[in-house]
Amino acid sequence: MNNTNIEELIKKAESFIHTMYFELDKSEEETKNRLITVREQINNSGSYYHTEEELIHGARMAWRHNSRCIGRLFWDKLEVIDARQAENEEKIAEALLQHVERANNGGRIRPVLTVFRSGEDEWQRIRVWNHQLIRYAGYPSIDGSVRSGDPASDDFTRVCQQLGWQGTGGNYDVLPLVVGIGKGEPRLFPIPTDLVQEVHLSHPEIERFPELQLRWYSVPIISDMQLEIGGILYTAAPFNGWYMETEIGSRNLGDIGRYNLLPAVANLMGLDRSTNTTLWKDRALLELNRAVLHSFKQAGVSIVDHHTAADQFVRFQQQEEQRGREVSSRWSWLIPPMSPTATPIWHDQSLKELDLSPQFLYQNPAYQGWLDALDGRLESGDNIETTTVSSAEIGCPFHQKI
């Protein structure tokens, strides 16, 4: 690391330490001593090591700063699991499965973040290849056949199949975990079925609703973003809150590019789909979201409706204002995908996105190199069913997207 990079890291580290230690009412002497230690570590090694307290509060600050999250009222309740000592794929997978169990909590969802070692050394850099720890496979249409599963998972499903995994081809096949370290061969780990908590959808009034055989998993655990704290990047830091019902009903199940279930719901309800003026899409969307809320509550699984979530966000804004902190907010992500004008967020003209740290950052999919290689082989006439691409061949390059 050159001198410019060292100075930049020291600057970011000092900013984080000053802010965090102020928020936690640390003494000036304790802050000064910690800054001395951090500077020495960076000058000697080009990096520094967060204490567990810094890791926990830094992760919570990153959630607080997340401009796209409506649920930040509970940022200081985030449970942070320090898994920086996990050295190999088996230990990493074990920690990921523990995260799933801890987050589910029998239905009373806990907000949890598990953080693995930082990614300065590209040969030891950890990546979780999944977008979410629990997600359904996607099977695209072949030769005009009916597709199944989640279209958002088509690419990753193809990667898992190349690694030897095979699903049933149905709509709700849970994908395995895929873990990679550096440029080594990625490892695949099936998720035990008893760890996957799913909610089967019914409706408080439409008795035939279960005929649609819809279901969804209980907790969204985002696993492909990186966590930045004081200039240190943690390339594997899966985290979760709990679902807002529109994330499932309006987007996952309702979007045309996802499960596209509004026509099926409308048909079940006997709605007139011959013209848009009947507002059949709106009516089907409403009842699909009602089914999600009803079913999660019946199953005893935590969920929040979009009106309550919007009210909670306003409370979060008020709390942050009282503490003298600005709130970073991206309006287009915070308004819910159903009835947004009925929430206070729609009318808030003060929202703006800020560059705050600590933060969550996007990074390119760890499997992108696999897809590029597969697509190249397919173009040359190779058979996807019989061709296996190894990470050694393609290098599995890691691309930071900041």
Protein backbone atom coordinates (compact mmCIF):
# COMPACT_ATOMS: atom_id res chain seq x y z
CA MET A 1 0.00 0.00 0.00
CA ASN A 2 1.48 3.35 -1.02
CA ASN A 3 1.67 6.43 1.19
CA THR A 4 -1.40 8.03 -0.39
CA ASN A 5 -3.52 4.98 0.36
CA ILE A 6 -2.15 4.76 3.89
CA GLU A 7 -3.02 8.39 4.55
CA GLU A 8 -6.50 7.90 3.11
CA LEU A 9 -7.11 4.84 5.32
CA ILE A 10 -5.85 6.71 8.40
CA LYS A 11 -8.23 9.56 7.59
CA LYS A 12 -11.21 7.20 7.28
CA ALA A 13 -10.24 5.26 10.39
CA GLU A 14 -9.86 8.42 12.47
CA SER A 15 -13.23 9.75 11.29
CA PHE A 16 -14.94 6.51 12.29
CA ILE A 17 -13.21 6.27 15.68
CA HIS A 18 -14.03 9.89 16.53
CA THR A 19 -17.70 9.47 15.57
CA MET A 20 -18.24 6.10 17.21
CA TYR A 21 -16.42 6.93 20.44
CA PHE A 22 -18.39 10.19 20.70
CA GLU A 23 -21.69 8.33 20.21
CA LEU A 24 -20.75 5.80 22.91
CA ASP A 25 -19.60 8.53 25.34
CA LYS A 26 -16.01 7.34 25.43
CA SER A 27 -13.51 9.54 27.23
CA GLU A 28 -11.07 11.76 25.34
CA GLU A 29 -8.19 9.72 26.73
CA GLU A 30 -9.67 6.43 25.53
CA THR A 31 -10.32 7.91 22.10
CA LYS A 32 -6.80 9.32 21.89
CA ASN A 33 -5.19 6.00 22.91
CA ARG A 34 -7.25 4.08 20.39
CA LEU A 35 -6.31 6.49 17.59
CA ILE A 36 -2.63 6.03 18.43
CA THR A 37 -3.00 2.26 18.21
CA VAL A 38 -4.89 2.42 14.91
CA ARG A 39 -2.29 4.70 13.31
CA GLU A 40 0.51 2.37 14.41
CA GLN A 41 -1.27 -0.68 12.97
CA ILE A 42 -1.87 1.02 9.63
CA ASN A 43 1.68 2.36 9.35
CA ASN A 44 3.14 -1.06 10.21
CA SER A 45 0.84 -3.31 8.19
CA GLY A 46 -1.23 -1.17 5.85
CA SER A 47 -4.42 -2.05 7.72
CA TYR A 48 -5.90 -2.22 11.21
CA TYR A 49 -8.13 -4.57 13.20
CA HIS A 50 -11.48 -3.48 14.62
CA THR A 51 -12.30 -4.33 18.20
CA GLU A 52 -15.51 -6.30 18.64
CA GLU A 53 -17.21 -3.18 19.99
CA GLU A 54 -16.15 -1.21 16.92
CA LEU A 55 -17.37 -3.99 14.66
CA ILE A 56 -20.78 -4.09 16.35
CA HIS A 57 -21.38 -0.36 16.44
CA GLY A 58 -19.91 0.13 12.98
CA ALA A 59 -22.33 -2.43 11.52
CA ARG A 60 -25.23 -0.75 13.27
CA MET A 61 -24.15 2.62 11.90
CA ALA A 62 -24.04 1.13 8.40
CA TRP A 63 -27.68 0.06 8.77
CA ARG A 64 -28.55 3.51 10.10
CA HIS A 65 -26.93 5.08 7.04
CA ASN A 66 -28.55 2.77 4.49
CA SER A 67 -30.47 5.20 2.27
CA ARG A 68 -32.61 2.46 0.73
CA CYS A 69 -33.94 0.89 3.94
CA ILE A 70 -37.29 1.93 5.39
CA GLY A 71 -36.84 -0.10 8.61
CA ARG A 72 -33.98 1.79 10.24
CA LEU A 73 -35.88 2.71 13.40
CA PHE A 74 -34.42 -0.45 14.92
CA TRP A 75 -30.81 0.06 13.79
CA ASP A 76 -29.40 -0.09 17.30
CA LYS A 77 -31.04 -3.49 17.90
CA LEU A 78 -28.96 -5.20 15.21
CA GLU A 79 -27.27 -8.33 16.57
CA VAL A 80 -23.73 -8.63 15.19
CA ILE A 81 -21.94 -11.98 15.08
CA ASP A 82 -18.16 -11.77 14.81
CA ALA A 83 -17.08 -14.64 12.54
CA ARG A 84 -13.71 -13.22 11.53
CA GLN A 85 -11.96 -16.35 12.78
CA ALA A 86 -13.71 -18.62 10.25
CA GLU A 87 -10.75 -19.81 8.18
CA ASN A 88 -12.20 -22.22 5.62
CA GLU A 89 -15.35 -22.82 3.60
CA GLU A 90 -16.77 -25.33 6.07
CA LYS A 91 -16.50 -22.91 8.98
CA ILE A 92 -17.95 -20.11 6.89
CA ALA A 93 -20.90 -22.27 5.83
CA GLU A 94 -21.43 -23.33 9.44
CA ALA A 95 -21.60 -19.67 10.49
CA LEU A 96 -24.05 -18.91 7.66
CA LEU A 97 -26.37 -21.72 8.74
CA GLN A 98 -26.17 -20.46 12.32
CA HIS A 99 -27.15 -17.03 11.01
CA VAL A 100 -30.25 -18.50 9.34
CA GLU A 101 -31.28 -20.24 12.55
CA ARG A 102 -30.54 -17.20 14.71
CA ALA A 103 -32.44 -14.84 12.41
CA ASN A 104 -35.51 -17.07 12.14
CA ASN A 105 -35.83 -17.45 15.91
CA GLY A 106 -38.90 -19.64 15.55
CA GLY A 107 -40.70 -16.87 13.67
CA ARG A 108 -39.84 -13.90 15.89
CA ILE A 109 -37.33 -12.56 13.40
CA ARG A 110 -34.15 -11.03 14.76
CA PRO A 111 -32.12 -8.47 12.77
CA VAL A 112 -28.70 -10.13 12.49
CA LEU A 113 -25.41 -9.46 10.73
CA THR A 114 -22.58 -11.98 10.51
CA VAL A 115 -19.22 -10.50 9.54
CA PHE A 116 -16.27 -12.47 8.22
CA ARG A 117 -12.66 -11.34 7.92
CA SER A 118 -11.86 -8.25 5.86
CA GLY A 119 -10.86 -8.55 2.24
CA GLU A 120 -7.49 -6.81 1.87
CA ASP A 121 -5.73 -10.00 0.79
CA GLU A 122 -7.32 -11.06 -2.50
CA TRP A 123 -6.07 -14.62 -2.02
CA GLN A 124 -7.96 -14.93 1.26
CA ARG A 125 -10.96 -12.78 0.34
CA ILE A 126 -14.27 -14.40 1.30
CA ARG A 127 -17.33 -14.12 -0.91
CA VAL A 128 -20.78 -15.57 -0.41
CA TRP A 129 -22.01 -16.18 -3.95
CA ASN A 130 -25.72 -16.15 -3.02
CA HIS A 131 -27.69 -12.91 -3.29
CA GLN A 132 -29.71 -14.06 -0.26
CA LEU A 133 -28.90 -17.01 1.97
CA ILE A 134 -32.40 -18.38 1.37
CA ARG A 135 -33.74 -18.01 -2.16
CA TYR A 136 -35.65 -20.07 -4.68
CA ALA A 137 -34.11 -21.44 -7.85
CA GLY A 138 -35.11 -20.20 -11.29
CA TYR A 139 -35.59 -22.40 -14.35
CA PRO A 140 -35.97 -20.46 -17.61
CA SER A 141 -38.14 -21.64 -20.48
CA ILE A 142 -36.37 -23.95 -22.92
CA ASP A 143 -37.76 -24.38 -26.44
CA GLY A 144 -41.02 -22.70 -25.52
CA SER A 145 -41.66 -24.82 -22.43
CA VAL A 146 -43.22 -23.30 -19.32
CA ARG A 147 -40.64 -21.73 -17.02
CA SER A 148 -40.71 -22.27 -13.25
CA GLY A 149 -39.19 -20.81 -10.13
CA ASP A 150 -37.86 -17.30 -9.57
CA PRO A 151 -36.53 -15.54 -12.70
CA ALA A 152 -34.26 -13.42 -10.47
CA SER A 153 -32.33 -16.61 -9.66
CA ASP A 154 -31.87 -17.95 -13.18
CA ASP A 155 -28.17 -17.05 -13.44
CA PHE A 156 -27.19 -18.25 -9.98
CA THR A 157 -29.19 -21.45 -10.46
CA ARG A 158 -27.14 -22.15 -13.57
CA VAL A 159 -23.95 -21.68 -11.57
CA CYS A 160 -25.18 -24.06 -8.86
CA GLN A 161 -26.02 -26.66 -11.48
CA GLN A 162 -22.50 -26.39 -12.87
CA LEU A 163 -21.23 -27.07 -9.36
CA GLY A 164 -23.26 -30.28 -9.24
CA TRP A 165 -26.51 -29.20 -7.61
CA GLN A 166 -29.80 -30.35 -9.07
CA GLY A 167 -33.24 -29.17 -7.99
CA THR A 168 -36.65 -30.60 -8.74
CA GLY A 169 -37.42 -27.99 -11.36
CA GLY A 170 -40.32 -26.68 -9.28
CA ASN A 171 -41.30 -23.21 -8.20
CA TYR A 172 -39.83 -23.32 -4.70
CA ASP A 173 -36.52 -25.19 -4.77
CA VAL A 174 -34.24 -23.69 -2.11
CA LEU A 175 -30.79 -23.02 -3.56
CA PRO A 176 -27.66 -24.19 -1.72
CA LEU A 177 -25.03 -21.94 -0.19
CA VAL A 178 -21.97 -21.28 -2.34
CA VAL A 179 -18.82 -19.98 -0.65
CA GLY A 180 -15.57 -18.92 -2.29
CA ILE A 181 -12.20 -17.92 -0.86
CA GLY A 182 -9.81 -15.95 -3.04
CA LYS A 183 -9.38 -17.60 -6.43
CA GLY A 184 -9.92 -21.09 -5.10
CA GLU A 185 -12.65 -23.47 -6.18
CA PRO A 186 -16.05 -22.44 -4.74
CA ARG A 187 -17.73 -24.88 -2.37
CA LEU A 188 -21.41 -25.78 -2.35
CA PHE A 189 -23.33 -26.51 0.87
CA PRO A 190 -26.99 -27.64 0.86
CA ILE A 191 -29.21 -25.92 3.44
CA PRO A 192 -30.91 -28.42 5.78
CA THR A 193 -34.66 -28.36 5.22
CA ASP A 194 -35.38 -27.87 8.91
CA LEU A 195 -33.60 -24.49 8.78
CA VAL A 196 -35.79 -23.17 5.96
CA GLN A 197 -38.89 -21.67 7.51
CA GLU A 198 -41.57 -21.12 4.88
CA VAL A 199 -45.05 -19.61 5.09
CA HIS A 200 -47.82 -21.11 2.94
CA LEU A 201 -50.24 -18.45 1.81
CA SER A 202 -53.92 -18.35 2.60
CA HIS A 203 -56.41 -15.47 2.68
CA PRO A 204 -58.68 -14.20 5.47
CA GLU A 205 -61.72 -14.23 3.15
CA ILE A 206 -60.92 -15.99 -0.14
CA GLU A 207 -61.29 -19.65 0.85
CA ARG A 208 -59.89 -20.98 -2.42
CA PHE A 209 -56.65 -19.01 -2.13
CA PRO A 210 -54.58 -22.05 -1.01
CA GLU A 211 -55.35 -23.61 -4.40
CA LEU A 212 -52.64 -21.33 -5.83
CA GLN A 213 -50.10 -23.21 -3.68
CA LEU A 214 -48.07 -20.09 -2.95
CA ARG A 215 -45.44 -19.79 -0.27
CA TRP A 216 -42.43 -17.71 0.69
CA TYR A 217 -39.51 -18.00 3.08
CA SER A 218 -39.63 -16.16 6.37
CA VAL A 219 -36.56 -13.91 6.36
CA PRO A 220 -34.57 -12.01 3.68
CA ILE A 221 -30.84 -12.37 4.41
CA ILE A 222 -28.87 -10.23 1.94
CA SER A 223 -25.48 -11.85 1.46
CA ASP A 224 -23.70 -10.28 -1.53
CA MET A 225 -23.00 -6.75 -0.31
CA GLN A 226 -19.85 -5.57 1.39
CA LEU A 227 -19.67 -3.70 4.67
CA GLU A 228 -17.33 -0.72 4.95
CA ILE A 229 -16.31 0.46 8.41
CA GLY A 230 -13.65 3.12 8.81
CA GLY A 231 -12.03 2.29 5.46
CA ILE A 232 -11.96 -1.48 6.05
CA LEU A 233 -14.01 -3.58 3.61
CA TYR A 234 -15.72 -6.76 4.75
CA THR A 235 -16.62 -8.53 1.52
CA ALA A 236 -18.79 -11.11 3.27
CA ALA A 237 -21.23 -9.67 5.80
CA PRO A 238 -24.74 -11.13 5.35
CA PHE A 239 -27.47 -9.23 7.18
CA ASN A 240 -31.23 -9.27 7.60
CA GLY A 241 -34.16 -7.38 8.95
CA TRP A 242 -37.67 -8.69 8.42
CA TYR A 243 -40.08 -8.52 5.53
CA MET A 244 -42.46 -5.73 4.65
CA GLU A 245 -45.45 -7.42 3.04
CA THR A 246 -45.17 -5.57 -0.27
CA GLU A 247 -41.66 -6.97 -0.78
CA ILE A 248 -43.28 -10.38 -1.11
CA GLY A 249 -46.76 -9.64 -2.43
CA SER A 250 -46.11 -6.71 -4.77
CA ARG A 251 -42.57 -7.50 -5.90
CA ASN A 252 -41.48 -11.12 -5.45
CA LEU A 253 -44.83 -12.66 -6.32
CA GLY A 254 -46.49 -9.83 -8.23
CA ASP A 255 -43.82 -8.41 -10.55
CA ILE A 256 -44.03 -9.41 -14.21
CA GLY A 257 -40.31 -10.19 -14.12
CA ARG A 258 -40.67 -12.40 -11.06
CA TYR A 259 -43.48 -14.88 -10.30
CA ASN A 260 -46.07 -12.75 -12.16
CA LEU A 261 -49.04 -14.05 -10.16
CA LEU A 262 -51.52 -11.19 -10.53
CA PRO A 263 -53.34 -12.90 -13.43
CA ALA A 264 -53.70 -16.13 -11.44
CA VAL A 265 -55.01 -14.26 -8.39
CA ALA A 266 -57.42 -12.27 -10.55
CA ASN A 267 -58.73 -15.45 -12.18
CA LEU A 268 -59.26 -17.04 -8.78
CA MET A 269 -61.22 -13.97 -7.73
CA GLY A 270 -63.30 -14.05 -10.92
CA LEU A 271 -62.19 -10.57 -11.99
CA ASP A 272 -62.72 -9.19 -15.49
CA ARG A 273 -59.29 -9.05 -17.14
CA SER A 274 -60.54 -7.97 -20.56
CA THR A 275 -59.69 -4.31 -19.95
CA ASN A 276 -57.43 -2.32 -17.68
CA THR A 277 -60.34 -0.09 -16.67
CA THR A 278 -61.66 -2.81 -14.33
CA LEU A 279 -58.51 -2.24 -12.25
CA TRP A 280 -58.17 -6.00 -11.92
CA LYS A 281 -54.41 -5.70 -11.35
CA ASP A 282 -54.93 -3.31 -8.43
CA ARG A 283 -57.56 -5.51 -6.83
CA ALA A 284 -55.48 -8.66 -7.26
CA LEU A 285 -52.40 -6.89 -5.91
CA LEU A 286 -54.25 -5.75 -2.80
CA GLU A 287 -55.59 -9.21 -2.02
CA LEU A 288 -52.22 -10.85 -2.66
CA ASN A 289 -50.64 -8.51 -0.12
CA ARG A 290 -53.46 -9.17 2.33
CA ALA A 291 -52.78 -12.87 1.94
CA VAL A 292 -49.10 -12.35 2.74
CA LEU A 293 -49.85 -10.35 5.89
CA HIS A 294 -52.57 -12.75 7.02
CA SER A 295 -50.46 -15.85 6.44
CA PHE A 296 -47.32 -14.58 8.17
CA LYS A 297 -49.34 -13.49 11.19
CA GLN A 298 -51.17 -16.82 11.27
CA ALA A 299 -47.81 -18.62 11.18
CA GLY A 300 -46.39 -16.42 13.94
CA VAL A 301 -43.67 -14.98 11.68
CA SER A 302 -42.64 -11.32 12.02
CA ILE A 303 -43.72 -9.01 9.21
CA VAL A 304 -44.68 -5.34 8.88
CA ASP A 305 -47.22 -3.66 6.60
CA HIS A 306 -46.08 -0.75 4.44
CA HIS A 307 -48.13 1.88 6.26
CA THR A 308 -46.68 0.94 9.65
CA ALA A 309 -43.19 0.79 8.15
CA ALA A 310 -43.59 4.30 6.72
CA ASP A 311 -44.74 5.62 10.09
CA GLN A 312 -41.75 3.95 11.74
CA PHE A 313 -39.44 5.63 9.24
CA VAL A 314 -40.86 9.02 10.18
CA ARG A 315 -40.15 8.23 13.83
CA PHE A 316 -36.60 7.28 12.85
CA GLN A 317 -36.19 10.65 11.09
CA GLN A 318 -37.44 12.47 14.18
CA GLN A 319 -35.09 10.57 16.47
CA GLU A 320 -32.09 11.26 14.26
CA GLU A 321 -32.99 14.95 14.07
CA GLN A 322 -33.14 15.11 17.87
CA ARG A 323 -29.65 13.60 17.99
CA GLY A 324 -28.31 16.12 15.50
CA ARG A 325 -27.74 13.60 12.70
CA GLU A 326 -28.77 13.85 9.05
CA VAL A 327 -30.69 10.95 7.47
CA SER A 328 -29.56 9.62 4.13
CA SER A 329 -32.63 8.65 2.09
CA ARG A 330 -33.34 7.60 -1.47
CA TRP A 331 -36.99 8.50 -2.06
CA SER A 332 -37.50 6.08 -4.96
CA TRP A 333 -36.54 3.13 -2.74
CA LEU A 334 -38.36 4.22 0.41
CA ILE A 335 -41.82 4.69 -1.10
CA PRO A 336 -43.64 1.33 -1.00
CA PRO A 337 -44.68 -0.36 -4.27
CA MET A 338 -48.35 -0.22 -3.30
CA SER A 339 -50.35 2.92 -2.36
CA PRO A 340 -47.23 5.07 -1.95
CA THR A 341 -49.23 8.31 -1.96
CA ALA A 342 -51.04 7.14 1.17
CA THR A 343 -47.79 7.20 3.14
CA PRO A 344 -46.01 10.28 4.56
CA ILE A 345 -42.81 9.41 2.68
CA TRP A 346 -44.41 10.23 -0.67
CA HIS A 347 -44.90 13.86 0.31
CA ASP A 348 -41.52 14.39 1.99
CA GLN A 349 -39.52 16.78 -0.19
CA SER A 350 -36.56 16.89 2.21
CA LEU A 351 -35.21 13.41 1.47
CA LYS A 352 -31.72 13.28 0.02
CA GLU A 353 -29.00 10.70 -0.34
CA LEU A 354 -25.79 11.38 1.57
CA ASP A 355 -22.31 9.89 1.42
CA LEU A 356 -22.03 8.49 4.94
CA SER A 357 -19.72 5.92 6.46
CA PRO A 358 -19.89 3.19 7.74
CA GLN A 359 -22.01 1.86 4.90
CA PHE A 360 -23.10 -1.11 2.79
CA LEU A 361 -21.70 -1.15 -0.74
CA TYR A 362 -22.66 -3.09 -3.83
CA GLN A 363 -20.17 -5.44 -5.43
CA ASN A 364 -20.39 -7.39 -8.66
CA PRO A 365 -21.67 -10.98 -8.35
CA ALA A 366 -18.87 -13.32 -7.34
CA TYR A 367 -20.03 -15.76 -10.02
CA GLN A 368 -19.90 -13.27 -12.89
CA GLY A 369 -16.76 -14.86 -14.32
CA TRP A 370 -18.48 -18.25 -14.39
CA LEU A 371 -21.38 -16.84 -16.36
CA ASP A 372 -19.08 -15.10 -18.81
CA ALA A 373 -17.18 -18.34 -19.39
CA LEU A 374 -20.36 -20.38 -19.72
CA ASP A 375 -21.84 -17.96 -22.21
CA GLY A 376 -18.63 -18.05 -24.20
CA ARG A 377 -18.70 -21.83 -24.33
CA LEU A 378 -22.34 -21.88 -25.34
CA GLU A 379 -21.60 -19.51 -28.19
CA SER A 380 -18.98 -21.95 -29.45
CA GLY A 381 -21.45 -24.81 -29.43
CA ASP A 382 -20.53 -26.52 -26.14
CA ASN A 383 -23.25 -28.28 -24.19
CA ILE A 384 -24.17 -26.63 -20.89
CA GLU A 385 -25.24 -29.99 -19.49
CA THR A 386 -21.84 -31.60 -19.93
CA THR A 387 -19.43 -28.68 -19.66
CA THR A 388 -18.04 -27.85 -16.21
CA VAL A 389 -16.15 -24.60 -15.75
CA SER A 390 -13.66 -24.37 -12.90
CA SER A 391 -12.75 -21.18 -11.10
CA ALA A 392 -9.10 -21.90 -11.85
CA GLU A 393 -9.83 -21.59 -15.57
CA ILE A 394 -11.59 -18.25 -15.38
CA GLY A 395 -9.95 -16.75 -12.31
CA CYS A 396 -13.26 -15.68 -10.70
CA PRO A 397 -12.12 -12.03 -10.59
CA PHE A 398 -13.38 -9.89 -7.76
CA HIS A 399 -14.66 -6.50 -8.83
CA GLN A 400 -15.40 -3.85 -6.24
CA LYS A 401 -18.33 -1.67 -7.21
CA ILE A 402 -18.12 1.47 -5.12
